[in-house]
Full PDB file with SEQRES, HELIX, SHEET, SSBOND, CRYST1, ORIGX, SCALE, CONECT and MASTER records, all heavy atoms in Angstrom:
SEQRES   1 A   41  MET ASN LEU TYR PHE ALA LYS TYR ILE MET GLN GLU GLU          
SEQRES   2 A   41  GLY ARG ASN ARG ALA MET MET MET CYS SER THR ALA ALA          
SEQRES   3 A   41  SER ILE LEU VAL PRO LEU LEU ILE ILE PRO ILE VAL GLN          
SEQRES   4 A   41  LYS ILE                                                      
HELIX    1 AA1 ASN A    2  TYR A    4  1                                   3    
HELIX    2 AA2 PHE A    5  ILE A    9  3                                   5    
HELIX    3 AA3 ARG A   15  THR A   24  1                                  10    
HELIX    4 AA4 ALA A   26  LEU A   33  1                                   8    
HELIX    5 AA5 ILE A   35  LYS A   40  1                                   6    
CRYST1    1.000    1.000    1.000  90.00  90.00  90.00 P 1           1          
ORIGX1      1.000000  0.000000  0.000000        0.00000                         
ORIGX2      0.000000  1.000000  0.000000        0.00000                         
ORIGX3      0.000000  0.000000  1.000000        0.00000                         
SCALE1      1.000000  0.000000  0.000000        0.00000                         
SCALE2      0.000000  1.000000  0.000000        0.00000                         
SCALE3      0.000000  0.000000  1.000000        0.00000                         
ATOM      1  N   MET A   1       0.818  -1.209  -0.005  1.00  0.00           N  
ATOM      2  CA  MET A   1      -0.004  -0.010   0.003  1.00  0.00           C  
ATOM      3  C   MET A   1       0.851   1.260   0.004  1.00  0.00           C  
ATOM      4  O   MET A   1       0.345   2.359  -0.300  1.00  0.00           O  
ATOM      5  CB  MET A   1      -0.931  -0.005   1.215  1.00  0.00           C  
ATOM      6  CG  MET A   1      -2.052  -1.023   1.165  1.00  0.00           C  
ATOM      7  SD  MET A   1      -3.029  -0.931  -0.366  1.00  0.00           S  
ATOM      8  CE  MET A   1      -3.570   0.765  -0.374  1.00  0.00           C  
ATOM      9  N   ASN A   2       2.152   1.143   0.335  1.00  0.00           N  
ATOM     10  CA  ASN A   2       3.026   2.321   0.328  1.00  0.00           C  
ATOM     11  C   ASN A   2       3.030   2.977  -1.038  1.00  0.00           C  
ATOM     12  O   ASN A   2       2.996   4.227  -1.149  1.00  0.00           O  
ATOM     13  CB  ASN A   2       4.463   1.932   0.715  1.00  0.00           C  
ATOM     14  CG  ASN A   2       4.605   1.583   2.171  1.00  0.00           C  
ATOM     15  OD1 ASN A   2       3.651   1.675   2.935  1.00  0.00           O  
ATOM     16  ND2 ASN A   2       5.780   1.156   2.561  1.00  0.00           N  
ATOM     17  N   LEU A   3       3.083   2.190  -2.105  1.00  0.00           N  
ATOM     18  CA  LEU A   3       3.146   2.747  -3.445  1.00  0.00           C  
ATOM     19  C   LEU A   3       1.862   3.478  -3.801  1.00  0.00           C  
ATOM     20  O   LEU A   3       1.894   4.567  -4.379  1.00  0.00           O  
ATOM     21  CB  LEU A   3       3.438   1.631  -4.470  1.00  0.00           C  
ATOM     22  CG  LEU A   3       3.598   2.062  -5.939  1.00  0.00           C  
ATOM     23  CD1 LEU A   3       4.656   3.155  -6.063  1.00  0.00           C  
ATOM     24  CD2 LEU A   3       3.952   0.869  -6.794  1.00  0.00           C  
ATOM     25  N   TYR A   4       0.721   2.904  -3.444  1.00  0.00           N  
ATOM     26  CA  TYR A   4      -0.557   3.572  -3.722  1.00  0.00           C  
ATOM     27  C   TYR A   4      -0.658   4.865  -2.920  1.00  0.00           C  
ATOM     28  O   TYR A   4      -1.128   5.895  -3.427  1.00  0.00           O  
ATOM     29  CB  TYR A   4      -1.723   2.640  -3.339  1.00  0.00           C  
ATOM     30  CG  TYR A   4      -1.897   1.457  -4.248  1.00  0.00           C  
ATOM     31  CD1 TYR A   4      -1.328   0.234  -3.944  1.00  0.00           C  
ATOM     32  CD2 TYR A   4      -2.634   1.566  -5.434  1.00  0.00           C  
ATOM     33  CE1 TYR A   4      -1.499  -0.863  -4.774  1.00  0.00           C  
ATOM     34  CE2 TYR A   4      -2.805   0.479  -6.261  1.00  0.00           C  
ATOM     35  CZ  TYR A   4      -2.235  -0.735  -5.938  1.00  0.00           C  
ATOM     36  OH  TYR A   4      -2.404  -1.823  -6.772  1.00  0.00           O  
ATOM     37  N   PHE A   5      -0.212   4.831  -1.667  1.00  0.00           N  
ATOM     38  CA  PHE A   5      -0.291   6.016  -0.799  1.00  0.00           C  
ATOM     39  C   PHE A   5       0.588   7.123  -1.362  1.00  0.00           C  
ATOM     40  O   PHE A   5       0.179   8.307  -1.429  1.00  0.00           O  
ATOM     41  CB  PHE A   5       0.131   5.662   0.615  1.00  0.00           C  
ATOM     42  CG  PHE A   5      -0.136   6.750   1.624  1.00  0.00           C  
ATOM     43  CD1 PHE A   5      -1.380   6.844   2.234  1.00  0.00           C  
ATOM     44  CD2 PHE A   5       0.851   7.683   1.959  1.00  0.00           C  
ATOM     45  CE1 PHE A   5      -1.621   7.856   3.169  1.00  0.00           C  
ATOM     46  CE2 PHE A   5       0.607   8.665   2.883  1.00  0.00           C  
ATOM     47  CZ  PHE A   5      -0.634   8.765   3.505  1.00  0.00           C  
ATOM     48  N   ALA A   6       1.816   6.774  -1.779  1.00  0.00           N  
ATOM     49  CA  ALA A   6       2.730   7.766  -2.313  1.00  0.00           C  
ATOM     50  C   ALA A   6       2.220   8.358  -3.636  1.00  0.00           C  
ATOM     51  O   ALA A   6       2.272   9.563  -3.861  1.00  0.00           O  
ATOM     52  CB  ALA A   6       4.116   7.133  -2.524  1.00  0.00           C  
ATOM     53  N   LYS A   7       1.695   7.485  -4.491  1.00  0.00           N  
ATOM     54  CA  LYS A   7       1.291   7.918  -5.823  1.00  0.00           C  
ATOM     55  C   LYS A   7       0.027   8.771  -5.801  1.00  0.00           C  
ATOM     56  O   LYS A   7      -0.061   9.782  -6.522  1.00  0.00           O  
ATOM     57  CB  LYS A   7       1.074   6.692  -6.713  1.00  0.00           C  
ATOM     58  CG  LYS A   7       0.743   7.033  -8.164  1.00  0.00           C  
ATOM     59  CD  LYS A   7       0.679   5.763  -9.017  1.00  0.00           C  
ATOM     60  CE  LYS A   7       0.360   6.077 -10.468  1.00  0.00           C  
ATOM     61  NZ  LYS A   7       0.319   4.836 -11.302  1.00  0.00           N  
ATOM     62  N   TYR A   8      -0.951   8.400  -4.981  1.00  0.00           N  
ATOM     63  CA  TYR A   8      -2.250   9.057  -5.070  1.00  0.00           C  
ATOM     64  C   TYR A   8      -2.573   9.982  -3.881  1.00  0.00           C  
ATOM     65  O   TYR A   8      -3.205  11.019  -4.092  1.00  0.00           O  
ATOM     66  CB  TYR A   8      -3.365   8.002  -5.188  1.00  0.00           C  
ATOM     67  CG  TYR A   8      -3.234   7.189  -6.455  1.00  0.00           C  
ATOM     68  CD1 TYR A   8      -2.845   5.861  -6.418  1.00  0.00           C  
ATOM     69  CD2 TYR A   8      -3.474   7.761  -7.706  1.00  0.00           C  
ATOM     70  CE1 TYR A   8      -2.728   5.095  -7.575  1.00  0.00           C  
ATOM     71  CE2 TYR A   8      -3.337   7.016  -8.866  1.00  0.00           C  
ATOM     72  CZ  TYR A   8      -2.967   5.693  -8.803  1.00  0.00           C  
ATOM     73  OH  TYR A   8      -2.842   4.953  -9.952  1.00  0.00           O  
ATOM     74  N   ILE A   9      -2.130   9.650  -2.672  1.00  0.00           N  
ATOM     75  CA  ILE A   9      -2.416  10.505  -1.520  1.00  0.00           C  
ATOM     76  C   ILE A   9      -1.380  11.615  -1.443  1.00  0.00           C  
ATOM     77  O   ILE A   9      -1.703  12.806  -1.302  1.00  0.00           O  
ATOM     78  CB  ILE A   9      -2.432   9.704  -0.202  1.00  0.00           C  
ATOM     79  CG1 ILE A   9      -3.436   8.546  -0.297  1.00  0.00           C  
ATOM     80  CG2 ILE A   9      -2.757  10.636   0.968  1.00  0.00           C  
ATOM     81  CD1 ILE A   9      -4.876   8.982  -0.491  1.00  0.00           C  
ATOM     82  N   MET A  10      -0.087  11.244  -1.543  1.00  0.00           N  
ATOM     83  CA  MET A  10       0.987  12.240  -1.486  1.00  0.00           C  
ATOM     84  C   MET A  10       1.230  12.871  -2.846  1.00  0.00           C  
ATOM     85  O   MET A  10       1.906  13.905  -2.941  1.00  0.00           O  
ATOM     86  CB  MET A  10       2.274  11.575  -0.984  1.00  0.00           C  
ATOM     87  CG  MET A  10       2.145  10.933   0.366  1.00  0.00           C  
ATOM     88  SD  MET A  10       3.672  10.133   0.920  1.00  0.00           S  
ATOM     89  CE  MET A  10       4.663  11.579   1.274  1.00  0.00           C  
ATOM     90  N   GLN A  11       0.714  12.229  -3.891  1.00  0.00           N  
ATOM     91  CA  GLN A  11       0.856  12.705  -5.284  1.00  0.00           C  
ATOM     92  C   GLN A  11       2.320  12.849  -5.680  1.00  0.00           C  
ATOM     93  O   GLN A  11       2.695  13.762  -6.412  1.00  0.00           O  
ATOM     94  CB  GLN A  11       0.104  14.030  -5.464  1.00  0.00           C  
ATOM     95  CG  GLN A  11      -1.396  13.897  -5.240  1.00  0.00           C  
ATOM     96  CD  GLN A  11      -2.157  15.154  -5.511  1.00  0.00           C  
ATOM     97  OE1 GLN A  11      -1.589  16.205  -5.775  1.00  0.00           O  
ATOM     98  NE2 GLN A  11      -3.484  15.056  -5.456  1.00  0.00           N  
ATOM     99  N   GLU A  12       3.140  11.935  -5.183  1.00  0.00           N  
ATOM    100  CA  GLU A  12       4.548  11.901  -5.545  1.00  0.00           C  
ATOM    101  C   GLU A  12       5.026  10.453  -5.441  1.00  0.00           C  
ATOM    102  O   GLU A  12       5.437  10.002  -4.373  1.00  0.00           O  
ATOM    103  CB  GLU A  12       5.382  12.826  -4.643  1.00  0.00           C  
ATOM    104  CG  GLU A  12       6.785  13.015  -5.171  1.00  0.00           C  
ATOM    105  CD  GLU A  12       7.538  14.109  -4.416  1.00  0.00           C  
ATOM    106  OE1 GLU A  12       6.906  14.888  -3.693  1.00  0.00           O  
ATOM    107  OE2 GLU A  12       8.784  14.169  -4.569  1.00  0.00           O  
ATOM    108  N   GLU A  13       4.945   9.736  -6.544  1.00  0.00           N  
ATOM    109  CA  GLU A  13       5.243   8.307  -6.540  1.00  0.00           C  
ATOM    110  C   GLU A  13       6.651   7.999  -6.054  1.00  0.00           C  
ATOM    111  O   GLU A  13       6.904   6.968  -5.448  1.00  0.00           O  
ATOM    112  CB  GLU A  13       5.040   7.749  -7.970  1.00  0.00           C  
ATOM    113  CG  GLU A  13       5.164   6.252  -8.063  1.00  0.00           C  
ATOM    114  CD  GLU A  13       4.830   5.727  -9.450  1.00  0.00           C  
ATOM    115  OE1 GLU A  13       4.214   6.477 -10.242  1.00  0.00           O  
ATOM    116  OE2 GLU A  13       5.173   4.563  -9.738  1.00  0.00           O  
ATOM    117  N   GLY A  14       7.598   8.951  -6.283  1.00  0.00           N  
ATOM    118  CA  GLY A  14       8.971   8.727  -5.859  1.00  0.00           C  
ATOM    119  C   GLY A  14       9.152   8.563  -4.369  1.00  0.00           C  
ATOM    120  O   GLY A  14      10.177   8.043  -3.910  1.00  0.00           O  
ATOM    121  N   ARG A  15       8.173   9.038  -3.577  1.00  0.00           N  
ATOM    122  CA  ARG A  15       8.259   8.885  -2.127  1.00  0.00           C  
ATOM    123  C   ARG A  15       8.205   7.412  -1.705  1.00  0.00           C  
ATOM    124  O   ARG A  15       8.598   7.070  -0.586  1.00  0.00           O  
ATOM    125  CB  ARG A  15       7.087   9.623  -1.452  1.00  0.00           C  
ATOM    126  CG  ARG A  15       7.072  11.112  -1.662  1.00  0.00           C  
ATOM    127  CD  ARG A  15       8.067  11.807  -0.795  1.00  0.00           C  
ATOM    128  NE  ARG A  15       7.918  13.259  -0.873  1.00  0.00           N  
ATOM    129  CZ  ARG A  15       8.834  14.121  -0.480  1.00  0.00           C  
ATOM    130  NH1 ARG A  15       9.984  13.676   0.027  1.00  0.00           N  
ATOM    131  NH2 ARG A  15       8.630  15.421  -0.578  1.00  0.00           N  
ATOM    132  N   ASN A  16       7.730   6.570  -2.594  1.00  0.00           N  
ATOM    133  CA  ASN A  16       7.614   5.148  -2.258  1.00  0.00           C  
ATOM    134  C   ASN A  16       8.942   4.565  -1.836  1.00  0.00           C  
ATOM    135  O   ASN A  16       9.012   3.733  -0.930  1.00  0.00           O  
ATOM    136  CB  ASN A  16       7.054   4.383  -3.452  1.00  0.00           C  
ATOM    137  CG  ASN A  16       7.076   2.875  -3.229  1.00  0.00           C  
ATOM    138  OD1 ASN A  16       6.427   2.359  -2.343  1.00  0.00           O  
ATOM    139  ND2 ASN A  16       7.873   2.173  -4.033  1.00  0.00           N  
ATOM    140  N   ARG A  17      10.044   4.973  -2.494  1.00  0.00           N  
ATOM    141  CA  ARG A  17      11.343   4.392  -2.164  1.00  0.00           C  
ATOM    142  C   ARG A  17      11.710   4.683  -0.704  1.00  0.00           C  
ATOM    143  O   ARG A  17      12.102   3.762   0.040  1.00  0.00           O  
ATOM    144  CB  ARG A  17      12.427   4.951  -3.082  1.00  0.00           C  
ATOM    145  CG  ARG A  17      13.824   4.512  -2.609  1.00  0.00           C  
ATOM    146  CD  ARG A  17      14.921   5.122  -3.421  1.00  0.00           C  
ATOM    147  NE  ARG A  17      15.043   4.475  -4.699  1.00  0.00           N  
ATOM    148  CZ  ARG A  17      16.041   4.741  -5.559  1.00  0.00           C  
ATOM    149  NH1 ARG A  17      16.966   5.623  -5.267  1.00  0.00           N  
ATOM    150  NH2 ARG A  17      16.089   4.114  -6.721  1.00  0.00           N  
ATOM    151  N   ALA A  18      11.564   5.930  -0.286  1.00  0.00           N  
ATOM    152  CA  ALA A  18      11.892   6.278   1.091  1.00  0.00           C  
ATOM    153  C   ALA A  18      10.961   5.567   2.073  1.00  0.00           C  
ATOM    154  O   ALA A  18      11.383   5.108   3.133  1.00  0.00           O  
ATOM    155  CB  ALA A  18      11.806   7.783   1.296  1.00  0.00           C  
ATOM    156  N   MET A  19       9.694   5.431   1.719  1.00  0.00           N  
ATOM    157  CA  MET A  19       8.748   4.734   2.577  1.00  0.00           C  
ATOM    158  C   MET A  19       9.124   3.268   2.719  1.00  0.00           C  
ATOM    159  O   MET A  19       9.055   2.695   3.827  1.00  0.00           O  
ATOM    160  CB  MET A  19       7.331   4.876   2.009  1.00  0.00           C  
ATOM    161  CG  MET A  19       6.782   6.296   2.058  1.00  0.00           C  
ATOM    162  SD  MET A  19       5.211   6.480   1.220  1.00  0.00           S  
ATOM    163  CE  MET A  19       4.119   5.622   2.371  1.00  0.00           C  
ATOM    164  N   MET A  20       9.503   2.633   1.618  1.00  0.00           N  
ATOM    165  CA  MET A  20       9.929   1.242   1.668  1.00  0.00           C  
ATOM    166  C   MET A  20      11.219   1.079   2.469  1.00  0.00           C  
ATOM    167  O   MET A  20      11.388   0.108   3.211  1.00  0.00           O  
ATOM    168  CB  MET A  20      10.103   0.699   0.252  1.00  0.00           C  
ATOM    169  CG  MET A  20       8.810   0.348  -0.451  1.00  0.00           C  
ATOM    170  SD  MET A  20       7.959  -1.002   0.409  1.00  0.00           S  
ATOM    171  CE  MET A  20       6.659  -1.343  -0.776  1.00  0.00           C  
ATOM    172  N   MET A  21      12.132   2.041   2.332  1.00  0.00           N  
ATOM    173  CA  MET A  21      13.379   1.968   3.092  1.00  0.00           C  
ATOM    174  C   MET A  21      13.103   2.031   4.587  1.00  0.00           C  
ATOM    175  O   MET A  21      13.655   1.281   5.370  1.00  0.00           O  
ATOM    176  CB  MET A  21      14.315   3.106   2.666  1.00  0.00           C  
ATOM    177  CG  MET A  21      14.903   2.938   1.278  1.00  0.00           C  
ATOM    178  SD  MET A  21      15.949   4.334   0.797  1.00  0.00           S  
ATOM    179  CE  MET A  21      17.280   4.180   1.967  1.00  0.00           C  
ATOM    180  N   CYS A  22      12.184   2.932   4.973  1.00  0.00           N  
ATOM    181  CA  CYS A  22      11.840   3.044   6.398  1.00  0.00           C  
ATOM    182  C   CYS A  22      11.117   1.781   6.889  1.00  0.00           C  
ATOM    183  O   CYS A  22      11.330   1.356   8.031  1.00  0.00           O  
ATOM    184  CB  CYS A  22      10.943   4.257   6.624  1.00  0.00           C  
ATOM    185  SG  CYS A  22      11.764   5.837   6.387  1.00  0.00           S  
ATOM    186  N   SER A  23      10.308   1.183   6.030  1.00  0.00           N  
ATOM    187  CA  SER A  23       9.549   0.009   6.419  1.00  0.00           C  
ATOM    188  C   SER A  23      10.424  -1.232   6.573  1.00  0.00           C  
ATOM    189  O   SER A  23      10.165  -2.092   7.398  1.00  0.00           O  
ATOM    190  CB  SER A  23       8.440  -0.273   5.383  1.00  0.00           C  
ATOM    191  OG  SER A  23       7.507   0.772   5.344  1.00  0.00           O  
ATOM    192  N   THR A  24      11.470  -1.334   5.741  1.00  0.00           N  
ATOM    193  CA  THR A  24      12.229  -2.574   5.681  1.00  0.00           C  
ATOM    194  C   THR A  24      13.653  -2.480   6.184  1.00  0.00           C  
ATOM    195  O   THR A  24      14.245  -3.506   6.544  1.00  0.00           O  
ATOM    196  CB  THR A  24      12.280  -3.089   4.216  1.00  0.00           C  
ATOM    197  OG1 THR A  24      12.895  -2.089   3.380  1.00  0.00           O  
ATOM    198  CG2 THR A  24      10.872  -3.355   3.688  1.00  0.00           C  
ATOM    199  N   ALA A  25      14.246  -1.272   6.260  1.00  0.00           N  
ATOM    200  CA  ALA A  25      15.661  -1.157   6.657  1.00  0.00           C  
ATOM    201  C   ALA A  25      15.894  -1.696   8.055  1.00  0.00           C  
ATOM    202  O   ALA A  25      16.923  -2.342   8.323  1.00  0.00           O  
ATOM    203  CB  ALA A  25      16.122   0.299   6.555  1.00  0.00           C  
ATOM    204  N   ALA A  26      14.932  -1.436   8.969  1.00  0.00           N  
ATOM    205  CA  ALA A  26      15.089  -1.925  10.343  1.00  0.00           C  
ATOM    206  C   ALA A  26      15.195  -3.433  10.389  1.00  0.00           C  
ATOM    207  O   ALA A  26      15.864  -3.992  11.278  1.00  0.00           O  
ATOM    208  CB  ALA A  26      13.919  -1.452  11.203  1.00  0.00           C  
ATOM    209  N   SER A  27      14.548  -4.119   9.456  1.00  0.00           N  
ATOM    210  CA  SER A  27      14.555  -5.573   9.459  1.00  0.00           C  
ATOM    211  C   SER A  27      15.900  -6.168   9.091  1.00  0.00           C  
ATOM    212  O   SER A  27      16.139  -7.353   9.286  1.00  0.00           O  
ATOM    213  CB  SER A  27      13.484  -6.113   8.486  1.00  0.00           C  
ATOM    214  OG  SER A  27      12.202  -5.761   8.949  1.00  0.00           O  
ATOM    215  N   ILE A  28      16.803  -5.337   8.570  1.00  0.00           N  
ATOM    216  CA  ILE A  28      18.157  -5.802   8.263  1.00  0.00           C  
ATOM    217  C   ILE A  28      19.030  -5.746   9.510  1.00  0.00           C  
ATOM    218  O   ILE A  28      19.768  -6.674   9.818  1.00  0.00           O  
ATOM    219  CB  ILE A  28      18.786  -4.959   7.138  1.00  0.00           C  
ATOM    220  CG1 ILE A  28      17.904  -5.010   5.889  1.00  0.00           C  
ATOM    221  CG2 ILE A  28      20.200  -5.416   6.815  1.00  0.00           C  
ATOM    222  CD1 ILE A  28      18.316  -4.024   4.809  1.00  0.00           C  
ATOM    223  N   LEU A  29      18.949  -4.631  10.251  1.00  0.00           N  
ATOM    224  CA  LEU A  29      19.832  -4.409  11.387  1.00  0.00           C  
ATOM    225  C   LEU A  29      19.268  -4.915  12.703  1.00  0.00           C  
ATOM    226  O   LEU A  29      20.019  -5.452  13.531  1.00  0.00           O  
ATOM    227  CB  LEU A  29      20.148  -2.907  11.494  1.00  0.00           C  
ATOM    228  CG  LEU A  29      20.895  -2.283  10.309  1.00  0.00           C  
ATOM    229  CD1 LEU A  29      21.023  -0.777  10.489  1.00  0.00           C  
ATOM    230  CD2 LEU A  29      22.250  -2.924  10.133  1.00  0.00           C  
ATOM    231  N   VAL A  30      17.978  -4.733  12.937  1.00  0.00           N  
ATOM    232  CA  VAL A  30      17.381  -5.076  14.220  1.00  0.00           C  
ATOM    233  C   VAL A  30      17.633  -6.542  14.602  1.00  0.00           C  
ATOM    234  O   VAL A  30      18.014  -6.823  15.759  1.00  0.00           O  
ATOM    235  CB  VAL A  30      15.889  -4.751  14.253  1.00  0.00           C  
ATOM    236  CG1 VAL A  30      15.198  -5.389  15.451  1.00  0.00           C  
ATOM    237  CG2 VAL A  30      15.686  -3.240  14.278  1.00  0.00           C  
ATOM    238  N   PRO A  31      17.451  -7.526  13.692  1.00  0.00           N  
ATOM    239  CA  PRO A  31      17.699  -8.916  14.097  1.00  0.00           C  
ATOM    240  C   PRO A  31      19.113  -9.151  14.622  1.00  0.00           C  
ATOM    241  O   PRO A  31      19.315  -9.933  15.559  1.00  0.00           O  
ATOM    242  CB  PRO A  31      17.440  -9.701  12.812  1.00  0.00           C  
ATOM    243  CG  PRO A  31      16.469  -8.864  12.064  1.00  0.00           C  
ATOM    244  CD  PRO A  31      16.883  -7.459  12.347  1.00  0.00           C  
ATOM    245  N   LEU A  32      20.096  -8.477  14.023  1.00  0.00           N  
ATOM    246  CA  LEU A  32      21.490  -8.647  14.476  1.00  0.00           C  
ATOM    247  C   LEU A  32      21.697  -7.998  15.845  1.00  0.00           C  
ATOM    248  O   LEU A  32      22.436  -8.524  16.691  1.00  0.00           O  
ATOM    249  CB  LEU A  32      22.442  -8.039  13.445  1.00  0.00           C  
ATOM    250  CG  LEU A  32      22.376  -8.639  12.040  1.00  0.00           C  
ATOM    251  CD1 LEU A  32      23.294  -7.873  11.094  1.00  0.00           C  
ATOM    252  CD2 LEU A  32      22.771 -10.111  12.071  1.00  0.00           C  
ATOM    253  N   LEU A  33      21.050  -6.864  16.082  1.00  0.00           N  
ATOM    254  CA  LEU A  33      21.251  -6.127  17.335  1.00  0.00           C  
ATOM    255  C   LEU A  33      20.552  -6.792  18.528  1.00  0.00           C  
ATOM    256  O   LEU A  33      20.966  -6.571  19.662  1.00  0.00           O  
ATOM    257  CB  LEU A  33      20.735  -4.690  17.179  1.00  0.00           C  
ATOM    258  CG  LEU A  33      21.465  -3.831  16.126  1.00  0.00           C  
ATOM    259  CD1 LEU A  33      20.799  -2.470  15.993  1.00  0.00           C  
ATOM    260  CD2 LEU A  33      22.942  -3.666  16.496  1.00  0.00           C  
ATOM    261  N   ILE A  34      19.519  -7.583  18.245  1.00  0.00           N  
ATOM    262  CA  ILE A  34      18.749  -8.151  19.369  1.00  0.00           C  
ATOM    263  C   ILE A  34      19.232  -9.549  19.775  1.00  0.00           C  
ATOM    264  O   ILE A  34      18.605 -10.186  20.628  1.00  0.00           O  
ATOM    265  CB  ILE A  34      17.243  -8.199  19.051  1.00  0.00           C  
ATOM    266  CG1 ILE A  34      16.973  -9.158  17.873  1.00  0.00           C  
ATOM    267  CG2 ILE A  34      16.689  -6.812  18.805  1.00  0.00           C  
ATOM    268  CD1 ILE A  34      15.491  -9.380  17.636  1.00  0.00           C  
ATOM    269  N   ILE A  35      20.337 -10.038  19.178  1.00  0.00           N  
ATOM    270  CA  ILE A  35      20.822 -11.380  19.534  1.00  0.00           C  
ATOM    271  C   ILE A  35      21.018 -11.534  21.050  1.00  0.00           C  
ATOM    272  O   ILE A  35      20.512 -12.495  21.645  1.00  0.00           O  
ATOM    273  CB  ILE A  35      22.121 -11.708  18.767  1.00  0.00           C  
ATOM    274  CG1 ILE A  35      21.824 -11.908  17.281  1.00  0.00           C  
ATOM    275  CG2 ILE A  35      22.780 -12.975  19.350  1.00  0.00           C  
ATOM    276  CD1 ILE A  35      23.061 -12.135  16.438  1.00  0.00           C  
ATOM    277  N   PRO A  36      21.723 -10.620  21.725  1.00  0.00           N  
ATOM    278  CA  PRO A  36      21.891 -10.812  23.174  1.00  0.00           C  
ATOM    279  C   PRO A  36      20.575 -10.694  23.943  1.00  0.00           C  
ATOM    280  O   PRO A  36      20.393 -11.335  24.977  1.00  0.00           O  
ATOM    281  CB  PRO A  36      22.862  -9.688  23.573  1.00  0.00           C  
ATOM    282  CG  PRO A  36      22.775  -8.677  22.483  1.00  0.00           C  
ATOM    283  CD  PRO A  36      22.487  -9.453  21.238  1.00  0.00           C  
ATOM    284  N   ILE A  37      19.641  -9.899  23.423  1.00  0.00           N  
ATOM    285  CA  ILE A  37      18.335  -9.762  24.088  1.00  0.00           C  
ATOM    286  C   ILE A  37      17.542 -11.046  23.964  1.00  0.00           C  
ATOM    287  O   ILE A  37      16.927 -11.521  24.926  1.00  0.00           O  
ATOM    288  CB  ILE A  37      17.545  -8.575  23.487  1.00  0.00           C  
ATOM    289  CG1 ILE A  37      18.344  -7.284  23.635  1.00  0.00           C  
ATOM    290  CG2 ILE A  37      16.186  -8.431  24.165  1.00  0.00           C  
ATOM    291  CD1 ILE A  37      17.710  -6.087  22.963  1.00  0.00           C  
ATOM    292  N   VAL A  38      17.568 -11.658  22.781  1.00  0.00           N  
ATOM    293  CA  VAL A  38      16.883 -12.939  22.581  1.00  0.00           C  
ATOM    294  C   VAL A  38      17.462 -13.996  23.499  1.00  0.00           C  
ATOM    295  O   VAL A  38      16.724 -14.786  24.120  1.00  0.00           O  
ATOM    296  CB  VAL A  38      16.977 -13.377  21.104  1.00  0.00           C  
ATOM    297  CG1 VAL A  38      16.493 -14.815  20.941  1.00  0.00           C  
ATOM    298  CG2 VAL A  38      16.190 -12.443  20.195  1.00  0.00           C  
ATOM    299  N   GLN A  39      18.787 -14.030  23.607  1.00  0.00           N  
ATOM    300  CA  GLN A  39      19.424 -15.040  24.440  1.00  0.00           C  
ATOM    301  C   GLN A  39      19.121 -14.830  25.923  1.00  0.00           C  
ATOM    302  O   GLN A  39      19.139 -15.783  26.702  1.00  0.00           O  
ATOM    303  CB  GLN A  39      20.934 -15.024  24.205  1.00  0.00           C  
ATOM    304  CG  GLN A  39      21.318 -15.514  22.806  1.00  0.00           C  
ATOM    305  CD  GLN A  39      22.805 -15.408  22.523  1.00  0.00           C  
ATOM    306  OE1 GLN A  39      23.479 -14.547  23.060  1.00  0.00           O  
ATOM    307  NE2 GLN A  39      23.306 -16.286  21.661  1.00  0.00           N  
ATOM    308  N   LYS A  40      18.814 -13.598  26.319  1.00  0.00           N  
ATOM    309  CA  LYS A  40      18.543 -13.298  27.728  1.00  0.00           C  
ATOM    310  C   LYS A  40      17.072 -13.485  28.097  1.00  0.00           C  
ATOM    311  O   LYS A  40      16.765 -14.092  29.130  1.00  0.00           O  
ATOM    312  CB  LYS A  40      18.979 -11.862  28.050  1.00  0.00           C  
ATOM    313  CG  LYS A  40      18.836 -11.529  29.522  1.00  0.00           C  
ATOM    314  CD  LYS A  40      19.436 -10.173  29.847  1.00  0.00           C  
ATOM    315  CE  LYS A  40      19.346  -9.885  31.356  1.00  0.00           C  
ATOM    316  NZ  LYS A  40      19.960  -8.580  31.713  1.00  0.00           N  
ATOM    317  N   ILE A  41      16.142 -12.977  27.269  1.00  0.00           N  
ATOM    318  CA  ILE A  41      14.720 -13.014  27.652  1.00  0.00           C  
ATOM    319  C   ILE A  41      13.886 -13.978  26.814  1.00  0.00           C  
ATOM    320  O   ILE A  41      12.701 -14.175  27.107  1.00  0.00           O  
ATOM    321  CB  ILE A  41      14.099 -11.608  27.613  1.00  0.00           C  
ATOM    322  CG1 ILE A  41      14.001 -11.077  26.168  1.00  0.00           C  
ATOM    323  CG2 ILE A  41      14.872 -10.652  28.491  1.00  0.00           C  
ATOM    324  CD1 ILE A  41      13.240  -9.768  26.064  1.00  0.00           C  
TER     325      ILE A  41                                                      
MASTER        0    0    0    5    0    0    0    6  324    1    0    4          
END                                                                             
């Protein structure tokens, strides 16, 4: 839905890239950072 929201609500389809980066970038780093937390709790 990010692409539809950027294209029609924000009226700037190019915003989709930044929206996708914000949605997915955390999923690259967060799993690595939470290893000690997973092992503890």
